Amino acid sequence: MPVLLLLTRKGCCLCEGLEQKLRALDLPLALETIDVDGDPALQARFGLEVPVLQVRSAQGDRQLPRVPPRLAGASLQVWLQKHGFSSQDA
């Protein structure tokens, strides 16, 4: 099952909104949320740039472009596919 990593921070309304939208998609994927403030290296790298989406695969984690906050439902699913995430990823 493909794994989508959502890098977040507590109190980030964009992060919370994106998480809800991703969980509402009818896709066979595992969504893992990671609080960047819990890891100094991630906090230094991403800081206020969250939310950040990454795809975990056998080749390593790959960062996706920033998700437009107004995307939801089918539009979000099309956006994910356009940027190289498919339910066939492993």
PDB file of N, CA and C in Angstrom:
ATOM      1  N   MET A   1       0.845  -1.181   0.000  1.00  0.00           N
ATOM      2  CA  MET A   1       0.000   0.000   0.000  1.00  0.00           C
ATOM      3  C   MET A   1       0.889   1.242   0.000  1.00  0.00           C
ATOM      4  N   PRO A   2       0.605   2.187  -0.865  1.00  0.00           N
ATOM      5  CA  PRO A   2       1.415   3.402  -0.909  1.00  0.00           C
ATOM      6  C   PRO A   2       1.285   4.205   0.379  1.00  0.00           C
ATOM      7  N   VAL A   3       2.364   4.896   0.722  1.00  0.00           N
ATOM      8  CA  VAL A   3       2.390   5.703   1.940  1.00  0.00           C
ATOM      9  C   VAL A   3       2.591   7.161   1.557  1.00  0.00           C
ATOM     10  N   LEU A   4       1.708   7.986   2.054  1.00  0.00           N
ATOM     11  CA  LEU A   4       1.790   9.428   1.875  1.00  0.00           C
ATOM     12  C   LEU A   4       2.133  10.025   3.233  1.00  0.00           C
ATOM     13  N   LEU A   5       3.217  10.790   3.288  1.00  0.00           N
ATOM     14  CA  LEU A   5       3.632  11.443   4.526  1.00  0.00           C
ATOM     15  C   LEU A   5       3.154  12.884   4.497  1.00  0.00           C
ATOM     16  N   LEU A   6       2.516  13.314   5.575  1.00  0.00           N
ATOM     17  CA  LEU A   6       2.057  14.689   5.710  1.00  0.00           C
ATOM     18  C   LEU A   6       2.833  15.318   6.858  1.00  0.00           C
ATOM     19  N   LEU A   7       3.727  16.236   6.517  1.00  0.00           N
ATOM     20  CA  LEU A   7       4.502  16.942   7.531  1.00  0.00           C
ATOM     21  C   LEU A   7       3.691  18.140   8.001  1.00  0.00           C
ATOM     22  N   THR A   8       3.501  18.231   9.318  1.00  0.00           N
ATOM     23  CA  THR A   8       2.593  19.209   9.897  1.00  0.00           C
ATOM     24  C   THR A   8       3.213  19.888  11.114  1.00  0.00           C
ATOM     25  N   ARG A   9       2.439  20.808  11.679  1.00  0.00           N
ATOM     26  CA  ARG A   9       2.737  21.426  12.978  1.00  0.00           C
ATOM     27  C   ARG A   9       1.410  21.545  13.720  1.00  0.00           C
ATOM     28  N   LYS A  10       1.473  21.510  15.035  1.00  0.00           N
ATOM     29  CA  LYS A  10       0.267  21.728  15.830  1.00  0.00           C
ATOM     30  C   LYS A  10      -0.239  23.140  15.595  1.00  0.00           C
ATOM     31  N   GLY A  11      -1.554  23.269  15.464  1.00  0.00           N
ATOM     32  CA  GLY A  11      -2.158  24.574  15.275  1.00  0.00           C
ATOM     33  C   GLY A  11      -2.123  25.088  13.853  1.00  0.00           C
ATOM     34  N   CYS A  12      -1.662  24.280  12.915  1.00  0.00           N
ATOM     35  CA  CYS A  12      -1.601  24.692  11.503  1.00  0.00           C
ATOM     36  C   CYS A  12      -2.940  24.343  10.842  1.00  0.00           C
ATOM     37  N   CYS A  13      -3.749  25.360  10.568  1.00  0.00           N
ATOM     38  CA  CYS A  13      -5.073  25.102   9.987  1.00  0.00           C
ATOM     39  C   CYS A  13      -4.971  24.534   8.567  1.00  0.00           C
ATOM     40  N   LEU A  14      -3.964  24.938   7.799  1.00  0.00           N
ATOM     41  CA  LEU A  14      -3.785  24.363   6.460  1.00  0.00           C
ATOM     42  C   LEU A  14      -3.436  22.879   6.550  1.00  0.00           C
ATOM     43  N   CYS A  15      -2.622  22.529   7.546  1.00  0.00           N
ATOM     44  CA  CYS A  15      -2.241  21.126   7.747  1.00  0.00           C
ATOM     45  C   CYS A  15      -3.465  20.286   8.108  1.00  0.00           C
ATOM     46  N   GLU A  16      -4.261  20.797   9.044  1.00  0.00           N
ATOM     47  CA  GLU A  16      -5.456  20.074   9.482  1.00  0.00           C
ATOM     48  C   GLU A  16      -6.441  19.904   8.331  1.00  0.00           C
ATOM     49  N   GLY A  17      -6.610  20.956   7.537  1.00  0.00           N
ATOM     50  CA  GLY A  17      -7.520  20.882   6.399  1.00  0.00           C
ATOM     51  C   GLY A  17      -7.065  19.874   5.362  1.00  0.00           C
ATOM     52  N   LEU A  18      -5.774  19.870   5.053  1.00  0.00           N
ATOM     53  CA  LEU A  18      -5.253  18.927   4.065  1.00  0.00           C
ATOM     54  C   LEU A  18      -5.378  17.499   4.574  1.00  0.00           C
ATOM     55  N   GLU A  19      -5.110  17.284   5.846  1.00  0.00           N
ATOM     56  CA  GLU A  19      -5.254  15.935   6.404  1.00  0.00           C
ATOM     57  C   GLU A  19      -6.695  15.444   6.255  1.00  0.00           C
ATOM     58  N   GLN A  20      -7.660  16.277   6.579  1.00  0.00           N
ATOM     59  CA  GLN A  20      -9.071  15.888   6.443  1.00  0.00           C
ATOM     60  C   GLN A  20      -9.412  15.568   4.993  1.00  0.00           C
ATOM     61  N   LYS A  21      -8.936  16.381   4.070  1.00  0.00           N
ATOM     62  CA  LYS A  21      -9.229  16.158   2.649  1.00  0.00           C
ATOM     63  C   LYS A  21      -8.600  14.866   2.146  1.00  0.00           C
ATOM     64  N   LEU A  22      -7.373  14.579   2.581  1.00  0.00           N
ATOM     65  CA  LEU A  22      -6.698  13.353   2.151  1.00  0.00           C
ATOM     66  C   LEU A  22      -7.392  12.123   2.724  1.00  0.00           C
ATOM     67  N   ARG A  23      -7.799  12.194   3.977  1.00  0.00           N
ATOM     68  CA  ARG A  23      -8.482  11.049   4.600  1.00  0.00           C
ATOM     69  C   ARG A  23      -9.850  10.799   3.960  1.00  0.00           C
ATOM     70  N   ALA A  24     -10.460  11.834   3.396  1.00  0.00           N
ATOM     71  CA  ALA A  24     -11.770  11.692   2.759  1.00  0.00           C
ATOM     72  C   ALA A  24     -11.686  11.059   1.369  1.00  0.00           C
ATOM     73  N   LEU A  25     -10.495  11.023   0.774  1.00  0.00           N
ATOM     74  CA  LEU A  25     -10.342  10.424  -0.557  1.00  0.00           C
ATOM     75  C   LEU A  25     -10.559   8.923  -0.484  1.00  0.00           C
ATOM     76  N   ASP A  26     -11.133   8.383  -1.529  1.00  0.00           N
ATOM     77  CA  ASP A  26     -11.348   6.941  -1.604  1.00  0.00           C
ATOM     78  C   ASP A  26     -10.166   6.305  -2.327  1.00  0.00           C
ATOM     79  N   LEU A  27      -9.008   6.352  -1.675  1.00  0.00           N
ATOM     80  CA  LEU A  27      -7.791   5.792  -2.248  1.00  0.00           C
ATOM     81  C   LEU A  27      -7.184   4.795  -1.275  1.00  0.00           C
ATOM     82  N   PRO A  28      -6.635   3.692  -1.804  1.00  0.00           N
ATOM     83  CA  PRO A  28      -5.941   2.754  -0.922  1.00  0.00           C
ATOM     84  C   PRO A  28      -4.547   3.294  -0.600  1.00  0.00           C
ATOM     85  N   LEU A  29      -4.470   4.074   0.464  1.00  0.00           N
ATOM     86  CA  LEU A  29      -3.175   4.619   0.851  1.00  0.00           C
ATOM     87  C   LEU A  29      -3.090   4.688   2.362  1.00  0.00           C
ATOM     88  N   ALA A  30      -1.866   4.688   2.838  1.00  0.00           N
ATOM     89  CA  ALA A  30      -1.618   4.913   4.259  1.00  0.00           C
ATOM     90  C   ALA A  30      -1.146   6.355   4.391  1.00  0.00           C
ATOM     91  N   LEU A  31      -1.815   7.111   5.250  1.00  0.00           N
ATOM     92  CA  LEU A  31      -1.439   8.499   5.484  1.00  0.00           C
ATOM     93  C   LEU A  31      -0.792   8.583   6.852  1.00  0.00           C
ATOM     94  N   GLU A  32       0.466   8.996   6.870  1.00  0.00           N
ATOM     95  CA  GLU A  32       1.190   9.191   8.125  1.00  0.00           C
ATOM     96  C   GLU A  32       1.403  10.681   8.326  1.00  0.00           C
ATOM     97  N   THR A  33       1.084  11.168   9.520  1.00  0.00           N
ATOM     98  CA  THR A  33       1.349  12.569   9.833  1.00  0.00           C
ATOM     99  C   THR A  33       2.583  12.645  10.719  1.00  0.00           C
ATOM    100  N   ILE A  34       3.417  13.620  10.437  1.00  0.00           N
ATOM    101  CA  ILE A  34       4.659  13.823  11.185  1.00  0.00           C
ATOM    102  C   ILE A  34       4.704  15.274  11.624  1.00  0.00           C
ATOM    103  N   ASP A  35       4.804  15.501  12.937  1.00  0.00           N
ATOM    104  CA  ASP A  35       4.920  16.853  13.483  1.00  0.00           C
ATOM    105  C   ASP A  35       6.385  17.268  13.367  1.00  0.00           C
ATOM    106  N   VAL A  36       6.670  18.253  12.520  1.00  0.00           N
ATOM    107  CA  VAL A  36       8.062  18.657  12.292  1.00  0.00           C
ATOM    108  C   VAL A  36       8.703  19.227  13.554  1.00  0.00           C
ATOM    109  N   ASP A  37       7.891  19.737  14.482  1.00  0.00           N
ATOM    110  CA  ASP A  37       8.452  20.293  15.712  1.00  0.00           C
ATOM    111  C   ASP A  37       8.999  19.214  16.640  1.00  0.00           C
ATOM    112  N   GLY A  38       8.666  17.946  16.374  1.00  0.00           N
ATOM    113  CA  GLY A  38       9.173  16.844  17.172  1.00  0.00           C
ATOM    114  C   GLY A  38      10.543  16.360  16.729  1.00  0.00           C
ATOM    115  N   ASP A  39      11.064  16.906  15.645  1.00  0.00           N
ATOM    116  CA  ASP A  39      12.360  16.487  15.107  1.00  0.00           C
ATOM    117  C   ASP A  39      13.124  17.748  14.710  1.00  0.00           C
ATOM    118  N   PRO A  40      14.224  18.061  15.416  1.00  0.00           N
ATOM    119  CA  PRO A  40      14.961  19.291  15.118  1.00  0.00           C
ATOM    120  C   PRO A  40      15.406  19.413  13.658  1.00  0.00           C
ATOM    121  N   ALA A  41      15.773  18.310  13.032  1.00  0.00           N
ATOM    122  CA  ALA A  41      16.211  18.365  11.632  1.00  0.00           C
ATOM    123  C   ALA A  41      15.043  18.736  10.717  1.00  0.00           C
ATOM    124  N   LEU A  42      13.880  18.130  10.950  1.00  0.00           N
ATOM    125  CA  LEU A  42      12.707  18.464  10.142  1.00  0.00           C
ATOM    126  C   LEU A  42      12.249  19.891  10.407  1.00  0.00           C
ATOM    127  N   GLN A  43      12.308  20.314  11.662  1.00  0.00           N
ATOM    128  CA  GLN A  43      11.898  21.674  12.009  1.00  0.00           C
ATOM    129  C   GLN A  43      12.797  22.690  11.318  1.00  0.00           C
ATOM    130  N   ALA A  44      14.094  22.413  11.299  1.00  0.00           N
ATOM    131  CA  ALA A  44      15.042  23.318  10.643  1.00  0.00           C
ATOM    132  C   ALA A  44      14.816  23.344   9.130  1.00  0.00           C
ATOM    133  N   ARG A  45      14.494  22.199   8.556  1.00  0.00           N
ATOM    134  CA  ARG A  45      14.323  22.116   7.104  1.00  0.00           C
ATOM    135  C   ARG A  45      12.990  22.703   6.632  1.00  0.00           C
ATOM    136  N   PHE A  46      11.899  22.400   7.359  1.00  0.00           N
ATOM    137  CA  PHE A  46      10.575  22.776   6.876  1.00  0.00           C
ATOM    138  C   PHE A  46       9.948  23.943   7.633  1.00  0.00           C
ATOM    139  N   GLY A  47      10.282  24.118   8.908  1.00  0.00           N
ATOM    140  CA  GLY A  47       9.790  25.245   9.687  1.00  0.00           C
ATOM    141  C   GLY A  47       8.350  25.606   9.416  1.00  0.00           C
ATOM    142  N   LEU A  48       8.132  26.784   8.857  1.00  0.00           N
ATOM    143  CA  LEU A  48       6.784  27.278   8.585  1.00  0.00           C
ATOM    144  C   LEU A  48       6.282  26.900   7.194  1.00  0.00           C
ATOM    145  N   GLU A  49       7.001  26.036   6.484  1.00  0.00           N
ATOM    146  CA  GLU A  49       6.619  25.655   5.122  1.00  0.00           C
ATOM    147  C   GLU A  49       5.550  24.566   5.078  1.00  0.00           C
ATOM    148  N   VAL A  50       5.096  24.093   6.218  1.00  0.00           N
ATOM    149  CA  VAL A  50       4.089  23.036   6.246  1.00  0.00           C
ATOM    150  C   VAL A  50       2.735  23.581   5.816  1.00  0.00           C
ATOM    151  N   PRO A  51       1.868  22.766   5.282  1.00  0.00           N
ATOM    152  CA  PRO A  51       1.976  21.329   5.131  1.00  0.00           C
ATOM    153  C   PRO A  51       2.853  20.933   3.938  1.00  0.00           C
ATOM    154  N   VAL A  52       3.547  19.822   4.116  1.00  0.00           N
ATOM    155  CA  VAL A  52       4.401  19.260   3.072  1.00  0.00           C
ATOM    156  C   VAL A  52       3.968  17.812   2.872  1.00  0.00           C
ATOM    157  N   LEU A  53       3.813  17.415   1.625  1.00  0.00           N
ATOM    158  CA  LEU A  53       3.484  16.027   1.296  1.00  0.00           C
ATOM    159  C   LEU A  53       4.696  15.340   0.697  1.00  0.00           C
ATOM    160  N   GLN A  54       4.924  14.112   1.149  1.00  0.00           N
ATOM    161  CA  GLN A  54       5.977  13.277   0.582  1.00  0.00           C
ATOM    162  C   GLN A  54       5.400  11.900   0.309  1.00  0.00           C
ATOM    163  N   VAL A  55       5.921  11.253  -0.723  1.00  0.00           N
ATOM    164  CA  VAL A  55       5.561   9.879  -1.043  1.00  0.00           C
ATOM    165  C   VAL A  55       6.709   9.001  -0.591  1.00  0.00           C
ATOM    166  N   ARG A  56       6.402   8.002   0.203  1.00  0.00           N
ATOM    167  CA  ARG A  56       7.423   7.041   0.636  1.00  0.00           C
ATOM    168  C   ARG A  56       7.387   5.858  -0.322  1.00  0.00           C
ATOM    169  N   SER A  57       8.557   5.512  -0.841  1.00  0.00           N
ATOM    170  CA  SER A  57       8.659   4.364  -1.739  1.00  0.00           C
ATOM    171  C   SER A  57       9.963   3.633  -1.448  1.00  0.00           C
ATOM    172  N   ALA A  58      10.162   2.532  -2.148  1.00  0.00           N
ATOM    173  CA  ALA A  58      11.391   1.758  -1.976  1.00  0.00           C
ATOM    174  C   ALA A  58      12.618   2.577  -2.361  1.00  0.00           C
ATOM    175  N   GLN A  59      12.433   3.562  -3.239  1.00  0.00           N
ATOM    176  CA  GLN A  59      13.546   4.411  -3.671  1.00  0.00           C
ATOM    177  C   GLN A  59      13.810   5.560  -2.700  1.00  0.00           C
ATOM    178  N   GLY A  60      12.979   5.726  -1.694  1.00  0.00           N
ATOM    179  CA  GLY A  60      13.147   6.808  -0.718  1.00  0.00           C
ATOM    180  C   GLY A  60      11.957   7.754  -0.739  1.00  0.00           C
ATOM    181  N   ASP A  61      11.984   8.728   0.150  1.00  0.00           N
ATOM    182  CA  ASP A  61      10.898   9.704   0.235  1.00  0.00           C
ATOM    183  C   ASP A  61      11.075  10.762  -0.846  1.00  0.00           C
ATOM    184  N   ARG A  62       9.962  11.103  -1.511  1.00  0.00           N
ATOM    185  CA  ARG A  62       9.978  12.104  -2.572  1.00  0.00           C
ATOM    186  C   ARG A  62       8.953  13.178  -2.231  1.00  0.00           C
ATOM    187  N   GLN A  63       9.405  14.415  -2.192  1.00  0.00           N
ATOM    188  CA  GLN A  63       8.522  15.524  -1.854  1.00  0.00           C
ATOM    189  C   GLN A  63       7.681  15.931  -3.056  1.00  0.00           C
ATOM    190  N   LEU A  64       6.399  16.148  -2.815  1.00  0.00           N
ATOM    191  CA  LEU A  64       5.494  16.631  -3.847  1.00  0.00           C
ATOM    192  C   LEU A  64       5.441  18.154  -3.791  1.00  0.00           C
ATOM    193  N   PRO A  65       5.041  18.793  -4.894  1.00  0.00           N
ATOM    194  CA  PRO A  65       4.876  20.251  -4.858  1.00  0.00           C
ATOM    195  C   PRO A  65       3.806  20.643  -3.838  1.00  0.00           C
ATOM    196  N   ARG A  66       3.799  21.905  -3.475  1.00  0.00           N
ATOM    197  CA  ARG A  66       2.826  22.413  -2.508  1.00  0.00           C
ATOM    198  C   ARG A  66       1.401  22.234  -3.050  1.00  0.00           C
ATOM    199  N   VAL A  67       0.523  21.725  -2.192  1.00  0.00           N
ATOM    200  CA  VAL A  67      -0.868  21.488  -2.580  1.00  0.00           C
ATOM    201  C   VAL A  67      -1.659  22.793  -2.468  1.00  0.00           C
ATOM    202  N   PRO A  68      -2.334  23.211  -3.540  1.00  0.00           N
ATOM    203  CA  PRO A  68      -3.197  24.391  -3.435  1.00  0.00           C
ATOM    204  C   PRO A  68      -4.284  24.142  -2.379  1.00  0.00           C
ATOM    205  N   PRO A  69      -4.468  25.033  -1.418  1.00  0.00           N
ATOM    206  CA  PRO A  69      -5.372  24.777  -0.297  1.00  0.00           C
ATOM    207  C   PRO A  69      -6.842  24.624  -0.673  1.00  0.00           C
ATOM    208  N   ARG A  70      -7.245  25.064  -1.847  1.00  0.00           N
ATOM    209  CA  ARG A  70      -8.655  24.951  -2.235  1.00  0.00           C
ATOM    210  C   ARG A  70      -8.997  23.615  -2.886  1.00  0.00           C
ATOM    211  N   LEU A  71      -7.996  22.792  -3.174  1.00  0.00           N
ATOM    212  CA  LEU A  71      -8.274  21.496  -3.795  1.00  0.00           C
ATOM    213  C   LEU A  71      -8.912  20.554  -2.787  1.00  0.00           C
ATOM    214  N   ALA A  72      -9.879  19.785  -3.264  1.00  0.00           N
ATOM    215  CA  ALA A  72     -10.529  18.772  -2.431  1.00  0.00           C
ATOM    216  C   ALA A  72     -11.156  17.732  -3.352  1.00  0.00           C
ATOM    217  N   GLY A  73     -11.477  16.600  -2.789  1.00  0.00           N
ATOM    218  CA  GLY A  73     -12.193  15.561  -3.521  1.00  0.00           C
ATOM    219  C   GLY A  73     -11.491  15.123  -4.789  1.00  0.00           C
ATOM    220  N   ALA A  74     -12.273  15.030  -5.868  1.00  0.00           N
ATOM    221  CA  ALA A  74     -11.748  14.546  -7.146  1.00  0.00           C
ATOM    222  C   ALA A  74     -10.625  15.426  -7.665  1.00  0.00           C
ATOM    223  N   SER A  75     -10.712  16.732  -7.425  1.00  0.00           N
ATOM    224  CA  SER A  75      -9.648  17.639  -7.885  1.00  0.00           C
ATOM    225  C   SER A  75      -8.332  17.337  -7.185  1.00  0.00           C
ATOM    226  N   LEU A  76      -8.396  17.026  -5.906  1.00  0.00           N
ATOM    227  CA  LEU A  76      -7.189  16.673  -5.158  1.00  0.00           C
ATOM    228  C   LEU A  76      -6.632  15.345  -5.655  1.00  0.00           C
ATOM    229  N   GLN A  77      -7.505  14.406  -5.934  1.00  0.00           N
ATOM    230  CA  GLN A  77      -7.062  13.109  -6.451  1.00  0.00           C
ATOM    231  C   GLN A  77      -6.373  13.275  -7.805  1.00  0.00           C
ATOM    232  N   VAL A  78      -6.926  14.092  -8.687  1.00  0.00           N
ATOM    233  CA  VAL A  78      -6.304  14.362  -9.991  1.00  0.00           C
ATOM    234  C   VAL A  78      -4.956  15.041  -9.788  1.00  0.00           C
ATOM    235  N   TRP A  79      -4.882  15.986  -8.858  1.00  0.00           N
ATOM    236  CA  TRP A  79      -3.627  16.689  -8.568  1.00  0.00           C
ATOM    237  C   TRP A  79      -2.559  15.696  -8.111  1.00  0.00           C
ATOM    238  N   LEU A  80      -2.929  14.772  -7.224  1.00  0.00           N
ATOM    239  CA  LEU A  80      -1.973  13.766  -6.749  1.00  0.00           C
ATOM    240  C   LEU A  80      -1.454  12.926  -7.917  1.00  0.00           C
ATOM    241  N   GLN A  81      -2.348  12.498  -8.787  1.00  0.00           N
ATOM    242  CA  GLN A  81      -1.936  11.694  -9.937  1.00  0.00           C
ATOM    243  C   GLN A  81      -1.046  12.498 -10.879  1.00  0.00           C
ATOM    244  N   LYS A  82      -1.390  13.754 -11.098  1.00  0.00           N
ATOM    245  CA  LYS A  82      -0.593  14.618 -11.973  1.00  0.00           C
ATOM    246  C   LYS A  82       0.831  14.771 -11.456  1.00  0.00           C
ATOM    247  N   HIS A  83       0.981  14.745 -10.142  1.00  0.00           N
ATOM    248  CA  HIS A  83       2.296  14.937  -9.540  1.00  0.00           C
ATOM    249  C   HIS A  83       2.959  13.621  -9.143  1.00  0.00           C
ATOM    250  N   GLY A  84       2.515  12.553  -9.770  1.00  0.00           N
ATOM    251  CA  GLY A  84       3.242  11.302  -9.665  1.00  0.00           C
ATOM    252  C   GLY A  84       2.856  10.389  -8.535  1.00  0.00           C
ATOM    253  N   PHE A  85       1.770  10.678  -7.828  1.00  0.00           N
ATOM    254  CA  PHE A  85       1.320   9.751  -6.794  1.00  0.00           C
ATOM    255  C   PHE A  85       0.148   8.973  -7.344  1.00  0.00           C
ATOM    256  N   SER A  86       0.265   7.661  -7.302  1.00  0.00           N
ATOM    257  CA  SER A  86      -0.866   6.833  -7.709  1.00  0.00           C
ATOM    258  C   SER A  86      -1.062   5.755  -6.664  1.00  0.00           C
ATOM    259  N   SER A  87      -2.229   5.172  -6.664  1.00  0.00           N
ATOM    260  CA  SER A  87      -2.513   4.114  -5.697  1.00  0.00           C
ATOM    261  C   SER A  87      -1.695   2.862  -5.988  1.00  0.00           C
ATOM    262  N   GLN A  88      -0.952   2.857  -7.078  1.00  0.00           N
ATOM    263  CA  GLN A  88      -0.091   1.728  -7.412  1.00  0.00           C
ATOM    264  C   GLN A  88       1.309   1.868  -6.817  1.00  0.00           C
ATOM    265  N   ASP A  89       1.641   3.065  -6.266  1.00  0.00           N
ATOM    266  CA  ASP A  89       2.961   3.265  -5.661  1.00  0.00           C
ATOM    267  C   ASP A  89       3.144   2.291  -4.507  1.00  0.00           C
ATOM    268  N   ALA A  90       4.374   1.892  -4.306  1.00  0.00           N
ATOM    269  CA  ALA A  90       4.639   0.984  -3.182  1.00  0.00           C
ATOM    270  C   ALA A  90       5.875   1.410  -2.457  1.00  0.00           C
TER     271      ALA A  90
END
